[in-house]
């Protein structure tokens, strides 16, 4: 089980296909991982109306989600080498 105490950030990507390829490599090599998905357009409790004011005109939809991939600290070097 991966927890905040025994994990290390392997990589960050904004690409859905990129994170899918990374997941496949990790699964094929039996390396446990977890992914944190961050919605960059989600409203903030500190500025709830920002999206309503600015909209999304001119913004790349490809950058809407950020994928942060974590592995166990003990698997980090091996996972890094595979990527």
C-alpha atoms as a PDB file:
ATOM      1  CA  UNK A   1       0.000   0.000   0.000  1.00  0.00           C
ATOM      2  CA  UNK A   2       1.299   3.430  -0.928  1.00  0.00           C
ATOM      3  CA  UNK A   3       0.923   6.184   1.661  1.00  0.00           C
ATOM      4  CA  UNK A   4       2.181   9.756   1.882  1.00  0.00           C
ATOM      5  CA  UNK A   5       4.966   8.476   4.140  1.00  0.00           C
ATOM      6  CA  UNK A   6       6.417   5.840   1.802  1.00  0.00           C
ATOM      7  CA  UNK A   7       5.889   7.391  -1.631  1.00  0.00           C
ATOM      8  CA  UNK A   8       7.918   9.529  -3.985  1.00  0.00           C
ATOM      9  CA  UNK A   9       6.742  11.532  -6.984  1.00  0.00           C
ATOM     10  CA  UNK A  10       7.875   9.768 -10.144  1.00  0.00           C
ATOM     11  CA  UNK A  11       6.620  12.221 -12.744  1.00  0.00           C
ATOM     12  CA  UNK A  12       3.961  14.762 -13.636  1.00  0.00           C
ATOM     13  CA  UNK A  13       2.210  15.026 -16.982  1.00  0.00           C
ATOM     14  CA  UNK A  14      -0.741  16.811 -18.543  1.00  0.00           C
ATOM     15  CA  UNK A  15      -1.168  14.123 -21.204  1.00  0.00           C
ATOM     16  CA  UNK A  16      -3.836  11.441 -20.813  1.00  0.00           C
ATOM     17  CA  UNK A  17      -2.011   9.164 -23.259  1.00  0.00           C
ATOM     18  CA  UNK A  18       1.307   9.868 -21.534  1.00  0.00           C
ATOM     19  CA  UNK A  19       0.055   8.823 -18.127  1.00  0.00           C
ATOM     20  CA  UNK A  20      -1.549   5.757 -19.698  1.00  0.00           C
ATOM     21  CA  UNK A  21       1.797   4.681 -21.195  1.00  0.00           C
ATOM     22  CA  UNK A  22       3.546   5.214 -17.856  1.00  0.00           C
ATOM     23  CA  UNK A  23       0.887   3.156 -16.059  1.00  0.00           C
ATOM     24  CA  UNK A  24       1.349   0.330 -18.575  1.00  0.00           C
ATOM     25  CA  UNK A  25       5.129   0.268 -18.035  1.00  0.00           C
ATOM     26  CA  UNK A  26       4.707   0.230 -14.253  1.00  0.00           C
ATOM     27  CA  UNK A  27       2.051  -2.497 -14.367  1.00  0.00           C
ATOM     28  CA  UNK A  28       4.127  -4.670 -16.721  1.00  0.00           C
ATOM     29  CA  UNK A  29       7.029  -4.447 -14.259  1.00  0.00           C
ATOM     30  CA  UNK A  30       4.827  -5.041 -11.202  1.00  0.00           C
ATOM     31  CA  UNK A  31       5.576  -1.655  -9.630  1.00  0.00           C
ATOM     32  CA  UNK A  32       2.828  -0.298  -7.386  1.00  0.00           C
ATOM     33  CA  UNK A  33       1.796   3.255  -8.168  1.00  0.00           C
ATOM     34  CA  UNK A  34      -0.887   5.788  -7.429  1.00  0.00           C
ATOM     35  CA  UNK A  35      -2.058   8.718  -9.513  1.00  0.00           C
ATOM     36  CA  UNK A  36      -3.316  12.039  -8.243  1.00  0.00           C
ATOM     37  CA  UNK A  37      -5.443  13.868 -10.820  1.00  0.00           C
ATOM     38  CA  UNK A  38      -5.687  17.631 -10.421  1.00  0.00           C
ATOM     39  CA  UNK A  39      -8.389  19.556 -12.300  1.00  0.00           C
ATOM     40  CA  UNK A  40      -6.744  22.900 -13.076  1.00  0.00           C
ATOM     41  CA  UNK A  41     -10.079  24.537 -13.969  1.00  0.00           C
ATOM     42  CA  UNK A  42     -11.840  23.567 -10.761  1.00  0.00           C
ATOM     43  CA  UNK A  43     -13.168  26.498  -8.806  1.00  0.00           C
ATOM     44  CA  UNK A  44     -11.283  27.445  -5.697  1.00  0.00           C
ATOM     45  CA  UNK A  45     -12.948  28.099  -2.343  1.00  0.00           C
ATOM     46  CA  UNK A  46     -10.789  31.238  -2.152  1.00  0.00           C
ATOM     47  CA  UNK A  47     -11.870  32.558  -5.550  1.00  0.00           C
ATOM     48  CA  UNK A  48     -15.118  30.795  -6.432  1.00  0.00           C
ATOM     49  CA  UNK A  49     -16.080  33.135  -9.268  1.00  0.00           C
ATOM     50  CA  UNK A  50     -12.820  33.157 -11.210  1.00  0.00           C
ATOM     51  CA  UNK A  51     -13.954  30.790 -13.946  1.00  0.00           C
ATOM     52  CA  UNK A  52     -17.229  32.674 -14.355  1.00  0.00           C
ATOM     53  CA  UNK A  53     -15.286  35.905 -14.874  1.00  0.00           C
ATOM     54  CA  UNK A  54     -12.539  34.594 -17.126  1.00  0.00           C
ATOM     55  CA  UNK A  55     -14.120  31.589 -18.850  1.00  0.00           C
ATOM     56  CA  UNK A  56     -11.870  29.263 -20.781  1.00  0.00           C
ATOM     57  CA  UNK A  57     -11.477  31.116 -24.085  1.00  0.00           C
ATOM     58  CA  UNK A  58      -7.992  30.662 -25.491  1.00  0.00           C
ATOM     59  CA  UNK A  59      -6.998  28.017 -22.962  1.00  0.00           C
ATOM     60  CA  UNK A  60      -5.785  24.629 -24.097  1.00  0.00           C
ATOM     61  CA  UNK A  61      -8.117  21.822 -23.071  1.00  0.00           C
ATOM     62  CA  UNK A  62      -5.023  19.577 -23.004  1.00  0.00           C
ATOM     63  CA  UNK A  63      -3.813  21.403 -19.896  1.00  0.00           C
ATOM     64  CA  UNK A  64      -7.034  21.028 -17.922  1.00  0.00           C
ATOM     65  CA  UNK A  65      -5.907  17.944 -15.982  1.00  0.00           C
ATOM     66  CA  UNK A  66      -2.546  17.321 -14.343  1.00  0.00           C
ATOM     67  CA  UNK A  67      -1.549  13.745 -13.515  1.00  0.00           C
ATOM     68  CA  UNK A  68       0.954  13.226 -10.699  1.00  0.00           C
ATOM     69  CA  UNK A  69       2.288   9.679 -10.512  1.00  0.00           C
ATOM     70  CA  UNK A  70       3.729   8.335  -7.261  1.00  0.00           C
ATOM     71  CA  UNK A  71       5.599   5.101  -6.554  1.00  0.00           C
ATOM     72  CA  UNK A  72       6.998   3.600  -3.371  1.00  0.00           C
ATOM     73  CA  UNK A  73      10.323   5.121  -2.357  1.00  0.00           C
ATOM     74  CA  UNK A  74      11.998   1.725  -2.612  1.00  0.00           C
ATOM     75  CA  UNK A  75      10.785   1.342  -6.241  1.00  0.00           C
ATOM     76  CA  UNK A  76      11.649   4.873  -7.374  1.00  0.00           C
ATOM     77  CA  UNK A  77      15.067   4.207  -8.950  1.00  0.00           C
ATOM     78  CA  UNK A  78      13.826   1.153 -10.825  1.00  0.00           C
ATOM     79  CA  UNK A  79      10.723   2.980 -12.069  1.00  0.00           C
ATOM     80  CA  UNK A  80      12.768   6.011 -13.114  1.00  0.00           C
ATOM     81  CA  UNK A  81      15.122   3.764 -15.079  1.00  0.00           C
ATOM     82  CA  UNK A  82      12.187   2.143 -16.913  1.00  0.00           C
ATOM     83  CA  UNK A  83      10.831   5.500 -18.043  1.00  0.00           C
END
